[in-house]
Amino acid sequence: MKKFLFNINEENLAFITNISKKTKTPKSKVVNKIISIFINNDKENTPNKVLHYKQELYQAKTKQVKIFFTQNEYDFIKESAKKNGYSFLTQEVRYRIFNSIYNDKFSNSIELRQFILTKTSLNQMGRNINELNKILKQRSAVKVNIKNLEDTLQNIIYKIDQLTQNINTLVDKSEDKIK
C-alpha cells in the first residue's frame, strides 16, 4: 500500500467518514473499497468513464477565450514562457492571469521543479534520521540520551512530513491550474 495525499470535497468526506464510523474501518480502506467496487463493476469501460467524467467536469467549468497579441507582445510572452519554464504560450498566459486573479499565488514550472527537489531532499533527510536513530539504539557504546534524541528526531520527522504535505499541496494546486 502506498501513502497518497489528495483533496476531497466536504460532502464526499462526510460520506466516507460516516461509512468509516459505522463499519469501524479506517477511511483509507473505505476509499480503496469504493474504488475497487467502481473498477470491478465495469472493467472494460472504467478508463473511458473516468476520462469522460474528467472531460465533462472540464467542459462544464471552463470557457474558451481567444485573444490577439501584437508581434511585440507575442514575442515578450513567448520569451517570458521560456524563462518561467513553460513549453507553451498558453501556459504562460494562464500563469499570469491566475496570479493576477487569485490571492494565492501560483508557482511557475521552474519553481515547481525546485519544490519537488526540496521535497525529495527532505524525504531523504527523514530516512537518514531514521537510520541514525536505529544505529544509535543498537550501539550501547555511544553515551547518548536516547530518549531525548529520539524525541528530537521524531519532532524533526514530523516537521519534515508537514513541510512535505504543504509542498505537495502547493505543487498540486499550481499544476492543476496552469496546465
C-alpha atoms as a PDB file:
ATOM      1  CA  MET A   1       0.000   0.000   0.000  1.00  0.00           C
ATOM      2  CA  LYS A   2       1.293   3.470  -0.832  1.00  0.00           C
ATOM      3  CA  LYS A   3       0.640   6.706   1.054  1.00  0.00           C
ATOM      4  CA  PHE A   4      -1.055   9.370  -1.068  1.00  0.00           C
ATOM      5  CA  LEU A   5      -2.316  12.854  -0.228  1.00  0.00           C
ATOM      6  CA  PHE A   6      -5.352  14.238  -2.063  1.00  0.00           C
ATOM      7  CA  ASN A   7      -8.143  16.784  -1.697  1.00  0.00           C
ATOM      8  CA  ILE A   8     -11.772  15.756  -1.241  1.00  0.00           C
ATOM      9  CA  ASN A   9     -14.906  17.873  -1.083  1.00  0.00           C
ATOM     10  CA  GLU A  10     -16.764  18.091   2.224  1.00  0.00           C
ATOM     11  CA  GLU A  11     -19.799  16.105   1.069  1.00  0.00           C
ATOM     12  CA  ASN A  12     -17.672  13.140  -0.033  1.00  0.00           C
ATOM     13  CA  LEU A  13     -15.598  13.342   3.144  1.00  0.00           C
ATOM     14  CA  ALA A  14     -18.771  13.246   5.242  1.00  0.00           C
ATOM     15  CA  PHE A  15     -19.942  10.188   3.286  1.00  0.00           C
ATOM     16  CA  ILE A  16     -16.627   8.370   3.800  1.00  0.00           C
ATOM     17  CA  THR A  17     -16.468   9.391   7.470  1.00  0.00           C
ATOM     18  CA  ASN A  18     -19.999   8.091   8.017  1.00  0.00           C
ATOM     19  CA  ILE A  19     -19.159   4.707   6.469  1.00  0.00           C
ATOM     20  CA  SER A  20     -15.910   4.601   8.431  1.00  0.00           C
ATOM     21  CA  LYS A  21     -17.707   5.182  11.747  1.00  0.00           C
ATOM     22  CA  LYS A  22     -20.497   2.696  11.017  1.00  0.00           C
ATOM     23  CA  THR A  23     -18.131  -0.067   9.950  1.00  0.00           C
ATOM     24  CA  LYS A  24     -15.301   0.894  12.331  1.00  0.00           C
ATOM     25  CA  THR A  25     -12.947   0.793   9.364  1.00  0.00           C
ATOM     26  CA  PRO A  26     -10.175   3.293   8.536  1.00  0.00           C
ATOM     27  CA  LYS A  27     -11.114   5.883   5.920  1.00  0.00           C
ATOM     28  CA  SER A  28      -8.310   4.734   3.617  1.00  0.00           C
ATOM     29  CA  LYS A  29      -9.810   1.226   3.477  1.00  0.00           C
ATOM     30  CA  VAL A  30     -13.246   2.699   2.749  1.00  0.00           C
ATOM     31  CA  VAL A  31     -11.850   4.767  -0.138  1.00  0.00           C
ATOM     32  CA  ASN A  32      -9.934   1.757  -1.504  1.00  0.00           C
ATOM     33  CA  LYS A  33     -13.074  -0.396  -1.349  1.00  0.00           C
ATOM     34  CA  ILE A  34     -15.170   2.242  -3.151  1.00  0.00           C
ATOM     35  CA  ILE A  35     -12.551   2.493  -5.907  1.00  0.00           C
ATOM     36  CA  SER A  36     -12.386  -1.321  -6.184  1.00  0.00           C
ATOM     37  CA  ILE A  37     -16.166  -1.544  -6.497  1.00  0.00           C
ATOM     38  CA  PHE A  38     -16.143   1.162  -9.171  1.00  0.00           C
ATOM     39  CA  ILE A  39     -13.437  -0.620 -11.156  1.00  0.00           C
ATOM     40  CA  ASN A  40     -14.935  -4.111 -10.782  1.00  0.00           C
ATOM     41  CA  ASN A  41     -18.418  -3.050 -11.882  1.00  0.00           C
ATOM     42  CA  ASP A  42     -17.300  -2.294 -15.414  1.00  0.00           C
ATOM     43  CA  LYS A  43     -13.689  -3.273 -16.111  1.00  0.00           C
ATOM     44  CA  GLU A  44     -13.747  -2.592 -19.860  1.00  0.00           C
ATOM     45  CA  ASN A  45     -15.248   0.887 -19.699  1.00  0.00           C
ATOM     46  CA  THR A  46     -13.789   2.224 -16.439  1.00  0.00           C
ATOM     47  CA  PRO A  47     -10.877   4.156 -18.035  1.00  0.00           C
ATOM     48  CA  ASN A  48     -13.253   5.600 -20.638  1.00  0.00           C
ATOM     49  CA  LYS A  49     -15.795   6.571 -17.971  1.00  0.00           C
ATOM     50  CA  VAL A  50     -13.143   8.314 -15.885  1.00  0.00           C
ATOM     51  CA  LEU A  51     -11.833  10.156 -18.948  1.00  0.00           C
ATOM     52  CA  HIS A  52     -15.368  11.094 -19.998  1.00  0.00           C
ATOM     53  CA  TYR A  53     -16.161  12.268 -16.448  1.00  0.00           C
ATOM     54  CA  LYS A  54     -12.994  14.382 -16.378  1.00  0.00           C
ATOM     55  CA  GLN A  55     -13.864  15.916 -19.753  1.00  0.00           C
ATOM     56  CA  GLU A  56     -17.409  16.696 -18.562  1.00  0.00           C
ATOM     57  CA  LEU A  57     -16.064  18.443 -15.468  1.00  0.00           C
ATOM     58  CA  TYR A  58     -13.541  20.385 -17.503  1.00  0.00           C
ATOM     59  CA  GLN A  59     -16.055  21.449 -20.141  1.00  0.00           C
ATOM     60  CA  ALA A  60     -18.717  22.331 -17.581  1.00  0.00           C
ATOM     61  CA  LYS A  61     -16.455  24.701 -15.694  1.00  0.00           C
ATOM     62  CA  THR A  62     -14.426  26.341 -18.431  1.00  0.00           C
ATOM     63  CA  LYS A  63     -14.875  28.765 -21.274  1.00  0.00           C
ATOM     64  CA  GLN A  64     -12.643  29.136 -24.276  1.00  0.00           C
ATOM     65  CA  VAL A  65     -11.286  32.615 -24.929  1.00  0.00           C
ATOM     66  CA  LYS A  66      -9.400  33.798 -27.992  1.00  0.00           C
ATOM     67  CA  ILE A  67      -7.102  36.770 -27.663  1.00  0.00           C
ATOM     68  CA  PHE A  68      -4.889  38.553 -30.125  1.00  0.00           C
ATOM     69  CA  PHE A  69      -1.427  39.973 -29.456  1.00  0.00           C
ATOM     70  CA  THR A  70       0.773  42.318 -31.387  1.00  0.00           C
ATOM     71  CA  GLN A  71       4.011  40.740 -32.558  1.00  0.00           C
ATOM     72  CA  ASN A  72       5.944  42.522 -29.776  1.00  0.00           C
ATOM     73  CA  GLU A  73       3.504  41.275 -27.119  1.00  0.00           C
ATOM     74  CA  TYR A  74       3.632  37.765 -28.548  1.00  0.00           C
ATOM     75  CA  ASP A  75       7.448  37.748 -28.555  1.00  0.00           C
ATOM     76  CA  PHE A  76       7.538  39.092 -24.984  1.00  0.00           C
ATOM     77  CA  ILE A  77       5.130  36.437 -23.680  1.00  0.00           C
ATOM     78  CA  LYS A  78       6.935  33.693 -25.583  1.00  0.00           C
ATOM     79  CA  GLU A  79      10.274  34.744 -24.083  1.00  0.00           C
ATOM     80  CA  SER A  80       8.696  35.016 -20.639  1.00  0.00           C
ATOM     81  CA  ALA A  81       7.282  31.489 -21.029  1.00  0.00           C
ATOM     82  CA  LYS A  82      10.783  30.159 -21.695  1.00  0.00           C
ATOM     83  CA  LYS A  83      12.147  31.948 -18.615  1.00  0.00           C
ATOM     84  CA  ASN A  84       9.350  30.527 -16.454  1.00  0.00           C
ATOM     85  CA  GLY A  85       9.873  27.011 -17.787  1.00  0.00           C
ATOM     86  CA  TYR A  86       6.721  26.682 -19.880  1.00  0.00           C
ATOM     87  CA  SER A  87       6.728  24.981 -23.260  1.00  0.00           C
ATOM     88  CA  PHE A  88       3.561  26.639 -24.483  1.00  0.00           C
ATOM     89  CA  LEU A  89       2.453  30.235 -24.681  1.00  0.00           C
ATOM     90  CA  THR A  90      -0.970  29.338 -23.255  1.00  0.00           C
ATOM     91  CA  GLN A  91       0.630  28.057 -20.044  1.00  0.00           C
ATOM     92  CA  GLU A  92       2.387  31.390 -19.538  1.00  0.00           C
ATOM     93  CA  VAL A  93      -0.814  33.333 -20.213  1.00  0.00           C
ATOM     94  CA  ARG A  94      -2.763  31.149 -17.754  1.00  0.00           C
ATOM     95  CA  TYR A  95       0.022  31.553 -15.172  1.00  0.00           C
ATOM     96  CA  ARG A  96      -0.060  35.342 -15.458  1.00  0.00           C
ATOM     97  CA  ILE A  97      -3.868  35.546 -15.409  1.00  0.00           C
ATOM     98  CA  PHE A  98      -4.264  33.241 -12.405  1.00  0.00           C
ATOM     99  CA  ASN A  99      -1.610  35.116 -10.446  1.00  0.00           C
ATOM    100  CA  SER A 100      -3.449  38.370 -11.087  1.00  0.00           C
ATOM    101  CA  ILE A 101      -6.908  36.952 -10.242  1.00  0.00           C
ATOM    102  CA  TYR A 102      -6.311  34.850  -7.125  1.00  0.00           C
ATOM    103  CA  ASN A 103      -4.924  35.872  -3.754  1.00  0.00           C
ATOM    104  CA  ASP A 104      -2.990  32.600  -3.537  1.00  0.00           C
ATOM    105  CA  LYS A 105      -0.097  32.940  -5.936  1.00  0.00           C
ATOM    106  CA  PHE A 106       0.812  30.011  -8.167  1.00  0.00           C
ATOM    107  CA  SER A 107       4.332  28.826  -8.797  1.00  0.00           C
ATOM    108  CA  ASN A 108       5.811  28.632 -12.257  1.00  0.00           C
ATOM    109  CA  SER A 109       7.243  25.454 -13.749  1.00  0.00           C
ATOM    110  CA  ILE A 110      10.812  26.128 -12.600  1.00  0.00           C
ATOM    111  CA  GLU A 111       9.691  26.868  -9.028  1.00  0.00           C
ATOM    112  CA  LEU A 112       7.585  23.697  -9.005  1.00  0.00           C
ATOM    113  CA  ARG A 113      10.606  21.624 -10.014  1.00  0.00           C
ATOM    114  CA  GLN A 114      12.592  23.229  -7.184  1.00  0.00           C
ATOM    115  CA  PHE A 115       9.804  22.433  -4.703  1.00  0.00           C
ATOM    116  CA  ILE A 116       9.791  18.820  -5.863  1.00  0.00           C
ATOM    117  CA  LEU A 117      13.584  18.598  -5.468  1.00  0.00           C
ATOM    118  CA  THR A 118      13.278  20.147  -1.995  1.00  0.00           C
ATOM    119  CA  LYS A 119      10.607  17.622  -1.061  1.00  0.00           C
ATOM    120  CA  THR A 120      12.833  14.781  -2.280  1.00  0.00           C
ATOM    121  CA  SER A 121      15.752  16.104  -0.225  1.00  0.00           C
ATOM    122  CA  LEU A 122      13.561  16.446   2.864  1.00  0.00           C
ATOM    123  CA  ASN A 123      12.353  12.875   2.485  1.00  0.00           C
ATOM    124  CA  GLN A 124      15.959  11.680   2.151  1.00  0.00           C
ATOM    125  CA  MET A 125      16.871  13.584   5.323  1.00  0.00           C
ATOM    126  CA  GLY A 126      13.995  11.884   7.121  1.00  0.00           C
ATOM    127  CA  ARG A 127      15.202   8.448   6.016  1.00  0.00           C
ATOM    128  CA  ASN A 128      18.757   9.301   7.116  1.00  0.00           C
ATOM    129  CA  ILE A 129      17.491  10.445  10.517  1.00  0.00           C
ATOM    130  CA  ASN A 130      15.610   7.173  10.963  1.00  0.00           C
ATOM    131  CA  GLU A 131      18.737   5.192  10.066  1.00  0.00           C
ATOM    132  CA  LEU A 132      20.819   7.228  12.526  1.00  0.00           C
ATOM    133  CA  ASN A 133      18.236   6.595  15.225  1.00  0.00           C
ATOM    134  CA  LYS A 134      18.334   2.818  14.578  1.00  0.00           C
ATOM    135  CA  ILE A 135      22.143   2.733  14.673  1.00  0.00           C
ATOM    136  CA  LEU A 136      22.303   4.707  17.922  1.00  0.00           C
ATOM    137  CA  LYS A 137      19.769   2.388  19.545  1.00  0.00           C
ATOM    138  CA  GLN A 138      21.814  -0.676  18.579  1.00  0.00           C
ATOM    139  CA  ARG A 139      25.193   0.588  19.776  1.00  0.00           C
ATOM    140  CA  SER A 140      25.354   0.937  23.507  1.00  0.00           C
ATOM    141  CA  ALA A 141      28.992   2.152  23.414  1.00  0.00           C
ATOM    142  CA  VAL A 142      27.852   5.624  22.460  1.00  0.00           C
ATOM    143  CA  LYS A 143      26.708   7.591  25.503  1.00  0.00           C
ATOM    144  CA  VAL A 144      23.682   9.493  24.254  1.00  0.00           C
ATOM    145  CA  ASN A 145      20.414  10.385  25.928  1.00  0.00           C
ATOM    146  CA  ILE A 146      18.437   8.134  23.577  1.00  0.00           C
ATOM    147  CA  LYS A 147      15.015   9.275  24.753  1.00  0.00           C
ATOM    148  CA  ASN A 148      15.838  12.963  24.246  1.00  0.00           C
ATOM    149  CA  LEU A 149      17.455  12.261  20.867  1.00  0.00           C
ATOM    150  CA  GLU A 150      14.511  10.124  19.796  1.00  0.00           C
ATOM    151  CA  ASP A 151      12.026  12.853  20.751  1.00  0.00           C
ATOM    152  CA  THR A 152      14.040  15.439  18.836  1.00  0.00           C
ATOM    153  CA  LEU A 153      14.324  13.202  15.787  1.00  0.00           C
ATOM    154  CA  GLN A 154      10.606  12.416  15.844  1.00  0.00           C
ATOM    155  CA  ASN A 155       9.863  16.145  16.037  1.00  0.00           C
ATOM    156  CA  ILE A 156      12.139  16.776  13.045  1.00  0.00           C
ATOM    157  CA  ILE A 157      10.483  13.960  11.085  1.00  0.00           C
ATOM    158  CA  TYR A 158       7.048  15.377  11.940  1.00  0.00           C
ATOM    159  CA  LYS A 159       8.109  18.822  10.689  1.00  0.00           C
ATOM    160  CA  ILE A 160       9.544  17.279   7.505  1.00  0.00           C
ATOM    161  CA  ASP A 161       6.235  15.459   6.912  1.00  0.00           C
ATOM    162  CA  GLN A 162       4.270  18.680   7.441  1.00  0.00           C
ATOM    163  CA  LEU A 163       6.517  20.588   5.057  1.00  0.00           C
ATOM    164  CA  THR A 164       6.296  17.775   2.501  1.00  0.00           C
ATOM    165  CA  GLN A 165       2.491  17.863   2.661  1.00  0.00           C
ATOM    166  CA  ASN A 166       2.493  21.642   2.226  1.00  0.00           C
ATOM    167  CA  ILE A 167       4.817  21.352  -0.768  1.00  0.00           C
ATOM    168  CA  ASN A 168       2.604  18.607  -2.266  1.00  0.00           C
ATOM    169  CA  THR A 169      -0.463  20.814  -1.861  1.00  0.00           C
ATOM    170  CA  LEU A 170       1.311  23.802  -3.427  1.00  0.00           C
ATOM    171  CA  VAL A 171       2.627  21.750  -6.347  1.00  0.00           C
ATOM    172  CA  ASP A 172      -0.738  20.079  -6.990  1.00  0.00           C
ATOM    173  CA  LYS A 173      -2.613  23.383  -6.832  1.00  0.00           C
ATOM    174  CA  SER A 174      -0.225  25.084  -9.241  1.00  0.00           C
ATOM    175  CA  GLU A 175      -0.033  22.142 -11.651  1.00  0.00           C
ATOM    176  CA  ASP A 176      -3.825  21.807 -11.788  1.00  0.00           C
ATOM    177  CA  LYS A 177      -4.367  25.483 -12.561  1.00  0.00           C
ATOM    178  CA  ILE A 178      -1.576  26.168 -15.024  1.00  0.00           C
ATOM    179  CA  LYS A 179      -1.618  23.020 -17.190  1.00  0.00           C
END
